[in-house]
């Protein structure tokens, strides 16, 4: 089978979406499939796609960065469409998505689209006018004509159905290369950059700093708890979104928690793994999340997780490796306090169960194979997989 993955960014600039596509492409290429990868070029493209073992094309964008217009990408897709069996497009609203849909319609190539949470209510509310225009001009037609859509969770499936789409949807979670556990890197790497972390237990948030993550609520809670727990430090790691970090800093300052909070900015590679491996608790207080790959990354490093019920992580309770809590402030505060009250051995046992969860349900080889079965069904080469939900 010959597969082409199309997305906006092939590098870290695309955050979780591009990481998902790179890993999926890599693991599908290991399963006797011919995989190509196409998107837009940026400063990190060469570094982040090196060693993937798949054919990579990155076209230079022209004009406003938000649009992602690239004549080179469009030309490449026209050639690629004549060489592959199926095109899998990742993400919505931009030119790469439009170009993939257009070439599939014109050349009769089956199309699968991963929405990556971009039809969730909170996502639709951002840049609303631009998305409404794209919906009318091309996006709805592409989604309705696709052979199958892909959602990473039941919540994302519900968001797809809520906008009126009846296209079949494959519910396949994001995978993870679990790697080594808490042996990847030395904590000394952290202490050199942030000496205040030495001899502290860490509560970690990692992700894009946006209003939907509700870090303002976490900051307020931390203002109460940090007085009671002097040996703990809150770590906020991730890129700022449209200056929202300034709002979070104001909240931290108002509750007297600035010195008890370390804001690292974006972290990658070994430094990211070092923070995950050093954390005693991971917290994701989001009001909406289509998956939350950082939860899987924390569990893989044997770190217990507190996540709100607005995230698709009920597995935390089933496996006894975390807490799936009401997103209300007092509920979140109570569970966080109880988690901090556990001793290190209790949290370590929960962490071991979390890693077992990742290895059992979220390993990449299994999930990459599952997506290949979806492609075979779209191509009428196999029966409908159990993961596909028909309208």
Protein backbone atom coordinates (compact mmCIF):
# COMPACT_ATOMS: atom_id res chain seq x y z
CA UNK A 1 0.00 0.00 0.00
CA UNK A 2 1.17 3.51 -0.85
CA UNK A 3 0.13 6.26 1.59
CA UNK A 4 0.65 10.02 1.50
CA UNK A 5 0.29 12.07 4.69
CA UNK A 6 -0.38 15.79 4.23
CA UNK A 7 -0.24 18.39 7.01
CA UNK A 8 0.67 22.03 7.50
CA UNK A 9 3.89 21.75 9.52
CA UNK A 10 6.17 18.74 9.44
CA UNK A 11 8.20 20.04 12.40
CA UNK A 12 7.76 21.01 16.04
CA UNK A 13 6.04 24.18 14.81
CA UNK A 14 2.96 22.02 14.31
CA UNK A 15 3.07 20.89 17.96
CA UNK A 16 1.01 17.74 18.67
CA UNK A 17 -0.41 17.41 15.17
CA UNK A 18 2.95 17.19 13.43
CA UNK A 19 4.32 14.89 16.14
CA UNK A 20 1.37 12.56 15.57
CA UNK A 21 1.84 12.57 11.79
CA UNK A 22 5.59 11.98 11.99
CA UNK A 23 5.17 9.03 14.36
CA UNK A 24 2.28 7.54 12.41
CA UNK A 25 4.18 7.80 9.13
CA UNK A 26 7.30 6.28 10.67
CA UNK A 27 5.50 3.28 12.13
CA UNK A 28 3.41 2.67 9.03
CA UNK A 29 6.59 2.59 6.97
CA UNK A 30 7.80 -0.26 9.20
CA UNK A 31 4.72 -2.32 8.29
CA UNK A 32 5.48 -2.97 4.62
CA UNK A 33 3.85 0.20 3.36
CA UNK A 34 5.30 2.94 1.17
CA UNK A 35 4.79 6.25 2.98
CA UNK A 36 5.23 9.83 1.79
CA UNK A 37 5.01 12.96 3.93
CA UNK A 38 4.16 16.42 2.54
CA UNK A 39 3.69 19.84 4.12
CA UNK A 40 5.18 23.30 4.51
CA UNK A 41 8.81 24.14 5.18
CA UNK A 42 9.94 26.06 8.27
CA UNK A 43 13.13 26.57 10.26
CA UNK A 44 12.93 23.14 11.94
CA UNK A 45 11.72 20.96 9.06
CA UNK A 46 15.05 19.35 8.14
CA UNK A 47 16.05 18.67 11.74
CA UNK A 48 12.69 17.22 12.81
CA UNK A 49 12.14 14.98 9.76
CA UNK A 50 15.65 13.55 9.64
CA UNK A 51 15.74 9.78 10.01
CA UNK A 52 12.00 9.21 9.55
CA UNK A 53 12.58 6.62 6.86
CA UNK A 54 9.84 8.04 4.63
CA UNK A 55 9.77 10.29 1.57
CA UNK A 56 9.49 13.92 2.71
CA UNK A 57 8.50 16.99 0.71
CA UNK A 58 8.31 20.45 2.28
CA UNK A 59 7.12 23.35 0.12
CA UNK A 60 7.97 26.96 0.81
CA UNK A 61 4.92 29.01 1.87
CA UNK A 62 4.10 32.30 0.13
CA UNK A 63 2.05 35.21 1.46
CA UNK A 64 0.45 35.40 4.93
CA UNK A 65 1.78 32.64 7.18
CA UNK A 66 -1.69 31.88 8.54
CA UNK A 67 -2.95 30.81 5.12
CA UNK A 68 -0.05 28.47 4.39
CA UNK A 69 -0.30 29.00 0.64
CA UNK A 70 2.34 27.02 -1.26
CA UNK A 71 2.30 26.53 -5.05
CA UNK A 72 5.17 24.06 -4.68
CA UNK A 73 3.15 21.88 -2.31
CA UNK A 74 0.18 21.97 -4.67
CA UNK A 75 2.32 20.86 -7.64
CA UNK A 76 3.90 18.10 -5.58
CA UNK A 77 0.49 16.78 -4.47
CA UNK A 78 -0.69 16.54 -8.06
CA UNK A 79 2.30 14.34 -8.86
CA UNK A 80 2.01 12.39 -5.62
CA UNK A 81 -1.68 11.63 -6.18
CA UNK A 82 -0.82 9.62 -9.27
CA UNK A 83 1.62 7.49 -7.27
CA UNK A 84 -0.31 6.60 -4.09
CA UNK A 85 -3.37 4.55 -3.14
CA UNK A 86 -4.71 6.94 -0.50
CA UNK A 87 -4.09 10.42 0.92
CA UNK A 88 -4.43 11.08 4.65
CA UNK A 89 -4.86 14.80 5.39
CA UNK A 90 -4.25 16.15 8.89
CA UNK A 91 -5.88 19.31 10.23
CA UNK A 92 -8.41 21.73 8.78
CA UNK A 93 -8.90 25.30 7.57
CA UNK A 94 -5.57 26.01 5.84
CA UNK A 95 -4.20 25.69 2.33
CA UNK A 96 -2.57 22.25 2.79
CA UNK A 97 -5.95 20.83 3.75
CA UNK A 98 -7.61 22.54 0.80
CA UNK A 99 -4.91 21.37 -1.64
CA UNK A 100 -5.20 17.76 -0.46
CA UNK A 101 -8.99 17.76 -0.82
CA UNK A 102 -8.85 19.35 -4.25
CA UNK A 103 -6.32 16.93 -5.70
CA UNK A 104 -8.25 13.94 -4.33
CA UNK A 105 -11.47 15.10 -5.98
CA UNK A 106 -9.81 15.87 -9.32
CA UNK A 107 -7.76 12.68 -9.53
CA UNK A 108 -10.14 10.29 -7.82
CA UNK A 109 -7.84 9.41 -4.92
CA UNK A 110 -9.55 8.22 -1.68
CA UNK A 111 -9.17 10.72 1.17
CA UNK A 112 -9.00 10.25 4.94
CA UNK A 113 -9.06 13.37 7.15
CA UNK A 114 -7.88 13.62 10.77
CA UNK A 115 -9.66 16.59 12.35
CA UNK A 116 -7.27 16.81 15.35
CA UNK A 117 -9.85 18.50 17.57
CA UNK A 118 -10.39 21.36 15.12
CA UNK A 119 -14.17 20.85 15.08
CA UNK A 120 -14.48 21.09 18.86
CA UNK A 121 -16.50 24.12 20.08
CA UNK A 122 -13.51 25.89 21.62
CA UNK A 123 -11.52 25.51 18.41
CA UNK A 124 -14.36 26.74 16.19
CA UNK A 125 -14.66 29.87 18.31
CA UNK A 126 -11.11 30.99 17.50
CA UNK A 127 -10.77 33.01 14.25
CA UNK A 128 -14.43 32.25 13.68
CA UNK A 129 -14.95 34.38 10.57
CA UNK A 130 -12.04 32.72 8.74
CA UNK A 131 -13.29 29.23 9.59
CA UNK A 132 -16.86 30.04 8.59
CA UNK A 133 -15.58 31.19 5.20
CA UNK A 134 -13.43 28.07 4.79
CA UNK A 135 -16.39 25.88 5.80
CA UNK A 136 -18.52 27.31 3.02
CA UNK A 137 -15.78 27.44 0.37
CA UNK A 138 -14.21 23.99 0.74
CA UNK A 139 -13.94 22.46 4.20
CA UNK A 140 -17.44 21.03 4.56
CA UNK A 141 -17.35 19.55 1.06
CA UNK A 142 -13.99 17.90 1.78
CA UNK A 143 -15.20 16.42 5.06
CA UNK A 144 -18.43 15.12 3.53
CA UNK A 145 -16.71 13.58 0.51
CA UNK A 146 -13.89 11.88 2.45
CA UNK A 147 -13.89 8.10 2.60
CA UNK A 148 -13.45 8.30 6.36
CA UNK A 149 -12.67 10.84 9.07
CA UNK A 150 -10.37 10.14 11.99
CA UNK A 151 -10.97 11.13 15.63
CA UNK A 152 -8.65 10.38 18.52
CA UNK A 153 -11.40 10.00 21.14
CA UNK A 154 -15.12 9.64 21.74
CA UNK A 155 -15.26 13.35 22.63
CA UNK A 156 -13.82 14.27 19.26
CA UNK A 157 -16.30 11.97 17.51
CA UNK A 158 -19.14 13.77 19.29
CA UNK A 159 -17.77 17.13 18.11
CA UNK A 160 -17.71 15.88 14.51
CA UNK A 161 -21.31 14.72 14.72
CA UNK A 162 -22.38 17.97 16.42
CA UNK A 163 -21.56 20.03 13.29
CA UNK A 164 -23.81 17.80 11.18
CA UNK A 165 -21.27 15.51 9.52
CA UNK A 166 -22.38 11.92 8.85
CA UNK A 167 -19.18 10.70 7.23
CA UNK A 168 -17.84 7.45 8.78
CA UNK A 169 -15.37 8.15 11.59
CA UNK A 170 -12.52 5.91 12.76
CA UNK A 171 -11.83 6.40 16.48
CA UNK A 172 -8.14 5.60 16.90
CA UNK A 173 -6.13 7.22 19.73
CA UNK A 174 -2.73 8.81 19.45
CA UNK A 175 0.15 6.41 19.95
CA UNK A 176 3.35 6.81 21.88
CA UNK A 177 6.89 5.45 21.74
CA UNK A 178 7.19 4.76 25.45
CA UNK A 179 10.99 4.52 25.39
CA UNK A 180 13.00 4.07 28.56
CA UNK A 181 11.41 5.07 31.84
CA UNK A 182 13.02 7.73 34.04
CA UNK A 183 16.47 6.83 32.77
CA UNK A 184 16.57 8.94 29.60
CA UNK A 185 18.24 11.99 31.04
CA UNK A 186 19.75 13.36 34.20
CA UNK A 187 17.81 15.72 36.46
CA UNK A 188 21.03 17.75 36.63
CA UNK A 189 20.00 19.18 33.27
CA UNK A 190 17.00 20.77 35.00
CA UNK A 191 18.92 22.07 37.99
CA UNK A 192 21.45 23.83 35.78
CA UNK A 193 18.70 25.86 34.13
CA UNK A 194 16.29 26.14 37.04
CA UNK A 195 18.16 25.78 40.36
CA UNK A 196 14.94 26.34 42.33
CA UNK A 197 13.77 22.86 41.29
CA UNK A 198 16.52 21.13 43.23
CA UNK A 199 15.18 19.04 46.14
CA UNK A 200 11.57 19.82 45.18
CA UNK A 201 8.70 17.57 44.21
CA UNK A 202 7.29 18.84 40.95
CA UNK A 203 3.70 19.37 39.83
CA UNK A 204 3.92 19.66 36.05
CA UNK A 205 1.71 21.23 33.43
CA UNK A 206 3.01 20.86 29.89
CA UNK A 207 1.30 22.16 26.77
CA UNK A 208 0.39 25.27 24.83
CA UNK A 209 -0.52 28.09 27.20
CA UNK A 210 -4.02 28.97 26.03
CA UNK A 211 -7.29 29.89 27.80
CA UNK A 212 -8.77 26.44 27.11
CA UNK A 213 -6.13 24.84 29.37
CA UNK A 214 -7.51 26.83 32.36
CA UNK A 215 -4.14 27.59 33.85
CA UNK A 216 -5.74 30.57 35.59
CA UNK A 217 -7.75 28.09 37.67
CA UNK A 218 -4.64 26.00 38.39
CA UNK A 219 -2.71 29.14 39.38
CA UNK A 220 -5.43 30.17 41.84
CA UNK A 221 -5.51 26.69 43.37
CA UNK A 222 -1.74 26.66 43.62
CA UNK A 223 -1.85 29.96 45.51
CA UNK A 224 -3.74 28.14 48.27
CA UNK A 225 -1.78 24.88 48.22
CA UNK A 226 1.78 26.17 47.93
CA UNK A 227 1.62 27.59 51.47
CA UNK A 228 0.72 24.18 52.84
CA UNK A 229 3.27 22.23 50.78
CA UNK A 230 6.64 24.04 50.93
CA UNK A 231 8.55 21.13 49.36
CA UNK A 232 6.57 21.27 46.09
CA UNK A 233 7.07 23.47 43.03
CA UNK A 234 4.65 24.06 40.14
CA UNK A 235 6.28 23.87 36.69
CA UNK A 236 4.52 25.34 33.65
CA UNK A 237 6.19 24.20 30.43
CA UNK A 238 5.07 25.12 26.93
CA UNK A 239 4.77 27.86 24.32
CA UNK A 240 2.78 31.03 24.95
CA UNK A 241 -0.35 31.54 22.83
CA UNK A 242 -1.11 35.14 21.88
CA UNK A 243 0.30 36.55 25.11
CA UNK A 244 -1.89 34.49 27.44
CA UNK A 245 1.10 33.76 29.69
CA UNK A 246 1.02 37.38 30.89
CA UNK A 247 -2.49 36.75 32.27
CA UNK A 248 -1.30 33.64 34.11
CA UNK A 249 1.66 35.52 35.60
CA UNK A 250 -0.72 38.17 36.95
CA UNK A 251 -2.83 35.50 38.63
CA UNK A 252 0.24 33.84 40.15
CA UNK A 253 1.42 37.19 41.46
CA UNK A 254 -1.98 38.05 42.92
CA UNK A 255 -2.12 34.80 44.92
CA UNK A 256 1.50 35.00 46.07
CA UNK A 257 2.68 31.97 44.08
CA UNK A 258 5.19 33.52 41.67
CA UNK A 259 8.29 32.24 43.49
CA UNK A 260 6.74 28.81 43.88
CA UNK A 261 6.18 28.51 40.13
CA UNK A 262 8.75 27.89 37.40
CA UNK A 263 7.79 28.86 33.84
CA UNK A 264 10.16 27.17 31.42
CA UNK A 265 8.84 28.15 28.00
CA UNK A 266 8.82 25.52 25.21
CA UNK A 267 10.89 22.39 25.87
CA UNK A 268 12.00 19.73 23.39
CA UNK A 269 14.02 16.55 23.20
CA UNK A 270 16.09 15.50 26.20
CA UNK A 271 15.05 18.54 28.25
CA UNK A 272 11.38 17.69 27.78
CA UNK A 273 11.98 14.09 28.83
CA UNK A 274 14.00 15.26 31.84
CA UNK A 275 11.09 17.38 33.09
CA UNK A 276 8.58 14.57 32.56
CA UNK A 277 10.87 12.07 34.29
CA UNK A 278 11.38 14.38 37.26
CA UNK A 279 7.72 15.22 37.88
CA UNK A 280 5.86 13.71 40.82
CA UNK A 281 2.43 14.70 39.47
CA UNK A 282 1.11 15.86 36.11
CA UNK A 283 -2.00 18.03 35.91
CA UNK A 284 -4.15 18.87 32.87
CA UNK A 285 -7.03 21.18 33.91
CA UNK A 286 -8.40 21.73 30.38
CA UNK A 287 -12.03 22.61 29.69
CA UNK A 288 -11.83 20.65 26.43
CA UNK A 289 -9.27 18.24 24.94
CA UNK A 290 -9.62 15.94 21.97
CA UNK A 291 -6.85 13.67 23.31
CA UNK A 292 -3.98 15.21 25.28
CA UNK A 293 -0.80 13.43 24.19
CA UNK A 294 1.09 14.99 27.11
CA UNK A 295 -0.96 12.81 29.45
CA UNK A 296 0.33 9.71 27.65
CA UNK A 297 3.88 11.09 27.75
CA UNK A 298 3.65 11.65 31.51
CA UNK A 299 2.21 8.19 32.13
CA UNK A 300 4.98 6.64 30.04
CA UNK A 301 7.43 8.21 32.50
CA UNK A 302 5.54 6.69 35.46
CA UNK A 303 4.05 10.02 36.53
CA UNK A 304 0.49 9.91 37.97
CA UNK A 305 -1.94 12.28 36.25
CA UNK A 306 -4.80 14.51 37.33
CA UNK A 307 -7.01 15.36 34.33
CA UNK A 308 -10.46 16.89 34.09
CA UNK A 309 -13.45 14.93 32.82
CA UNK A 310 -13.46 17.23 29.80
CA UNK A 311 -10.44 15.23 28.63
CA UNK A 312 -10.80 11.63 27.30
CA UNK A 313 -8.79 9.98 30.08
CA UNK A 314 -11.21 7.82 32.05
CA UNK A 315 -8.46 5.16 31.71
CA UNK A 316 -6.74 6.90 34.61
CA UNK A 317 -9.36 5.58 37.03
CA UNK A 318 -9.68 2.16 35.39
CA UNK A 319 -5.93 1.52 35.71
CA UNK A 320 -5.51 3.27 39.06
CA UNK A 321 -2.84 5.60 37.73
CA UNK A 322 -4.48 8.98 38.25
CA UNK A 323 -7.61 11.01 38.81
CA UNK A 324 -10.34 11.95 36.30
CA UNK A 325 -11.99 14.86 38.06
CA UNK A 326 -14.75 17.41 37.83
CA UNK A 327 -13.31 20.58 36.34
CA UNK A 328 -14.75 22.80 39.07
CA UNK A 329 -12.13 24.68 41.07
CA UNK A 330 -12.87 23.06 44.45
CA UNK A 331 -12.97 19.54 42.99
CA UNK A 332 -9.68 20.03 41.24
CA UNK A 333 -8.14 21.52 44.36
CA UNK A 334 -9.33 18.63 46.53
CA UNK A 335 -7.93 15.94 44.24
CA UNK A 336 -4.64 17.77 43.83
CA UNK A 337 -4.33 18.04 47.61
CA UNK A 338 -5.06 14.34 48.05
CA UNK A 339 -2.51 13.43 45.39
CA UNK A 340 0.15 15.52 47.10
CA UNK A 341 -0.69 13.85 50.43
CA UNK A 342 0.34 10.43 49.14
CA UNK A 343 3.84 9.26 49.93
CA UNK A 344 6.43 8.77 47.21
CA UNK A 345 6.00 4.98 47.16
CA UNK A 346 2.24 5.29 46.60
CA UNK A 347 2.72 7.71 43.71
CA UNK A 348 5.42 5.43 42.28
CA UNK A 349 3.04 2.45 42.30
CA UNK A 350 0.42 4.54 40.49
CA UNK A 351 3.08 5.58 38.00
CA UNK A 352 3.96 1.96 37.24
CA UNK A 353 0.31 1.24 36.48
CA UNK A 354 0.24 4.28 34.21
CA UNK A 355 3.14 3.00 32.16
CA UNK A 356 1.41 -0.37 31.89
CA UNK A 357 -1.65 1.44 30.49
CA UNK A 358 0.43 3.12 27.77
CA UNK A 359 2.15 -0.11 26.78
CA UNK A 360 -1.16 -2.00 26.62
CA UNK A 361 -3.40 0.50 24.82
CA UNK A 362 -1.32 3.21 23.18
CA UNK A 363 1.67 1.53 21.55
CA UNK A 364 2.39 2.88 18.06
CA UNK A 365 2.80 -0.43 16.18
CA UNK A 366 -0.72 -1.52 17.17
CA UNK A 367 -2.34 1.84 16.35
CA UNK A 368 -0.44 2.31 13.06
CA UNK A 369 -1.70 -1.13 12.00
CA UNK A 370 -5.23 -0.12 12.98
CA UNK A 371 -5.07 2.94 10.71
CA UNK A 372 -3.82 0.76 7.85
CA UNK A 373 -6.91 -1.44 8.29
CA UNK A 374 -9.04 1.72 8.02
CA UNK A 375 -7.31 2.56 4.74
CA UNK A 376 -7.94 -0.96 3.44
CA UNK A 377 -11.63 -0.60 4.23
CA UNK A 378 -11.80 2.80 2.46
CA UNK A 379 -10.11 1.14 -0.54
CA UNK A 380 -12.69 -1.70 -0.39
CA UNK A 381 -9.98 -4.25 0.35
CA UNK A 382 -11.22 -5.28 3.81
CA UNK A 383 -14.31 -5.41 6.03
CA UNK A 384 -15.23 -2.43 8.17
CA UNK A 385 -12.96 -2.30 11.24
CA UNK A 386 -14.56 -2.17 14.69
CA UNK A 387 -13.05 1.26 15.31
CA UNK A 388 -15.10 2.81 12.48
CA UNK A 389 -18.35 4.43 13.55
CA UNK A 390 -20.89 4.69 10.75
CA UNK A 391 -23.47 7.49 10.76
